[in-house]
Amino acid sequence: MSLDLVLRVGTKLIFPFILLFAFYVQMHGDYGPGGGFQAGVIVAAAVILITITFGLQTAKRIAPQGLIERMIPLGVLLFAGTGILGLLTGGNYLDYAHLAHDPVHGHHLGIMMVEAGVLVTVSSTMIALLYAFVERGR
């Protein structure tokens, strides 16, 4: 844990902007480079920055370990559930055309749901790995 005042204040200032950028990358993933994986890595990098600057206990207050461990299968379930929803609505697995009244809207909704599942899984897996590696030395 660093006691450098500039680093601590800078981290507090930049943390919300890192999360905002992750949200932008997530939402822009339909139209250009980016998406759930990249946004998940950015969210995890923000938590890693908090861990390096303020320590593990502060990071666990922001992202509790129990919640992180529950989010990993939740993201996979969201991804797989989107595909199963496509099956239940008369399409193929991960066929989004039947998810809304219009195939274009269905594709957009399906992609957003899948990308959200990827974001949750990637970010929570990376944070869980961080916690495991940091606690290993204790």
Protein backbone atom coordinates (compact mmCIF):
# COMPACT_ATOMS: atom_id res chain seq x y z
CA MET A 1 0.00 0.00 0.00
CA SER A 2 1.43 3.30 -1.08
CA LEU A 3 1.38 6.33 1.17
CA ASP A 4 2.05 8.75 -1.69
CA LEU A 5 -0.60 11.48 -1.51
CA VAL A 6 -0.46 12.34 -5.21
CA LEU A 7 -0.97 8.70 -6.22
CA ARG A 8 -3.86 8.24 -3.81
CA VAL A 9 -5.67 11.42 -4.89
CA GLY A 10 -4.98 10.69 -8.56
CA THR A 11 -6.41 7.20 -8.21
CA LYS A 12 -9.55 8.54 -6.54
CA LEU A 13 -9.98 11.08 -9.32
CA ILE A 14 -9.39 8.73 -12.24
CA PHE A 15 -11.30 5.67 -10.94
CA PRO A 16 -14.79 6.86 -12.01
CA PHE A 17 -13.48 7.87 -15.43
CA ILE A 18 -11.97 4.42 -15.94
CA LEU A 19 -15.37 2.88 -15.19
CA LEU A 20 -17.05 5.39 -17.51
CA PHE A 21 -14.64 4.45 -20.28
CA ALA A 22 -15.43 0.76 -19.68
CA PHE A 23 -19.13 1.59 -20.05
CA TYR A 24 -18.38 3.42 -23.32
CA VAL A 25 -16.38 0.48 -24.67
CA GLN A 26 -19.21 -1.88 -23.69
CA MET A 27 -21.89 0.20 -25.39
CA HIS A 28 -19.75 0.94 -28.46
CA GLY A 29 -19.03 -2.77 -29.01
CA ASP A 30 -21.96 -3.13 -31.41
CA TYR A 31 -20.64 -0.50 -33.80
CA GLY A 32 -16.87 -0.68 -33.61
CA PRO A 33 -13.95 -2.22 -31.75
CA GLY A 34 -14.73 -3.08 -28.19
CA GLY A 35 -17.34 -5.00 -26.33
CA GLY A 36 -17.71 -7.14 -23.28
CA PHE A 37 -14.23 -8.59 -23.11
CA GLN A 38 -12.44 -5.28 -23.43
CA ALA A 39 -14.83 -3.54 -21.02
CA GLY A 40 -14.40 -6.37 -18.51
CA VAL A 41 -10.63 -6.02 -18.62
CA ILE A 42 -10.93 -2.25 -18.09
CA VAL A 43 -13.21 -2.73 -15.06
CA ALA A 44 -10.80 -5.27 -13.60
CA ALA A 45 -7.87 -2.90 -14.25
CA ALA A 46 -9.68 -0.23 -12.23
CA VAL A 47 -10.00 -2.61 -9.28
CA ILE A 48 -6.35 -3.62 -9.70
CA LEU A 49 -5.38 0.07 -9.53
CA ILE A 50 -7.36 0.45 -6.29
CA THR A 51 -5.67 -2.68 -4.90
CA ILE A 52 -2.18 -1.45 -5.74
CA THR A 53 -2.82 2.03 -4.36
CA PHE A 54 -4.97 1.42 -1.28
CA GLY A 55 -4.55 -2.28 -0.51
CA LEU A 56 -6.60 -5.43 -0.71
CA GLN A 57 -9.08 -4.57 2.03
CA THR A 58 -10.15 -1.38 0.27
CA ALA A 59 -10.58 -3.26 -3.00
CA LYS A 60 -12.71 -5.86 -1.22
CA ARG A 61 -14.94 -3.11 0.14
CA ILE A 62 -15.51 -1.88 -3.42
CA ALA A 63 -15.83 -5.36 -4.95
CA PRO A 64 -16.56 -7.92 -2.20
CA GLN A 65 -15.07 -11.34 -2.80
CA GLY A 66 -18.35 -13.18 -2.27
CA LEU A 67 -20.09 -11.03 -4.84
CA ILE A 68 -17.25 -11.48 -7.32
CA GLU A 69 -17.38 -15.27 -6.92
CA ARG A 70 -21.14 -15.25 -7.58
CA MET A 71 -20.79 -13.02 -10.63
CA ILE A 72 -18.59 -15.47 -12.57
CA PRO A 73 -21.34 -18.07 -13.15
CA LEU A 74 -23.96 -15.30 -13.43
CA GLY A 75 -22.20 -13.92 -16.51
CA VAL A 76 -21.96 -17.37 -18.07
CA LEU A 77 -25.64 -17.92 -17.29
CA LEU A 78 -26.54 -14.61 -18.95
CA PHE A 79 -24.57 -15.57 -22.07
CA ALA A 80 -26.00 -19.09 -22.26
CA GLY A 81 -29.48 -17.92 -21.24
CA THR A 82 -29.56 -15.56 -24.21
CA GLY A 83 -28.92 -18.50 -26.50
CA ILE A 84 -31.55 -20.63 -24.80
CA LEU A 85 -34.01 -17.75 -25.03
CA GLY A 86 -33.41 -17.80 -28.78
CA LEU A 87 -34.28 -21.50 -28.81
CA LEU A 88 -37.43 -20.97 -26.76
CA THR A 89 -38.67 -18.23 -29.08
CA GLY A 90 -38.43 -20.43 -32.17
CA GLY A 91 -34.94 -19.70 -33.48
CA ASN A 92 -31.57 -21.37 -33.23
CA TYR A 93 -29.16 -21.14 -30.33
CA LEU A 94 -27.86 -17.54 -30.19
CA ASP A 95 -30.26 -16.54 -32.99
CA TYR A 96 -31.39 -13.13 -31.81
CA ALA A 97 -33.96 -12.36 -34.51
CA HIS A 98 -36.85 -13.69 -32.43
CA LEU A 99 -36.01 -11.82 -29.22
CA ALA A 100 -37.99 -8.70 -30.13
CA HIS A 101 -40.85 -7.61 -32.36
CA ASP A 102 -38.41 -6.71 -35.15
CA PRO A 103 -35.38 -8.84 -36.17
CA VAL A 104 -33.09 -5.78 -36.12
CA HIS A 105 -34.13 -4.93 -32.58
CA GLY A 106 -33.83 -8.59 -31.61
CA HIS A 107 -30.26 -8.73 -32.90
CA HIS A 108 -29.36 -5.56 -31.01
CA LEU A 109 -30.92 -6.84 -27.79
CA GLY A 110 -29.30 -10.25 -28.10
CA ILE A 111 -25.84 -8.84 -28.75
CA MET A 112 -26.16 -6.48 -25.79
CA MET A 113 -27.20 -9.35 -23.50
CA VAL A 114 -24.32 -11.57 -24.66
CA GLU A 115 -21.81 -8.74 -24.32
CA ALA A 116 -23.11 -7.96 -20.82
CA GLY A 117 -22.58 -11.61 -19.88
CA VAL A 118 -19.03 -11.48 -21.22
CA LEU A 119 -18.31 -8.25 -19.31
CA VAL A 120 -19.54 -9.72 -16.03
CA THR A 121 -17.64 -12.99 -16.50
CA VAL A 122 -14.34 -11.44 -17.61
CA SER A 123 -14.23 -8.69 -15.00
CA SER A 124 -15.22 -10.95 -12.11
CA THR A 125 -12.80 -13.70 -13.17
CA MET A 126 -9.89 -11.28 -13.38
CA ILE A 127 -10.75 -9.74 -10.01
CA ALA A 128 -11.07 -13.21 -8.45
CA LEU A 129 -7.63 -14.08 -9.83
CA LEU A 130 -6.25 -10.85 -8.38
CA TYR A 131 -7.66 -11.69 -4.96
CA ALA A 132 -6.27 -15.23 -5.15
CA PHE A 133 -2.77 -14.08 -6.10
CA VAL A 134 -2.64 -11.29 -3.51
CA GLU A 135 -3.89 -13.55 -0.70
CA ARG A 136 -1.49 -16.32 -1.69
CA GLY A 137 1.46 -14.47 -0.20
CA ARG A 138 -0.22 -14.01 3.18
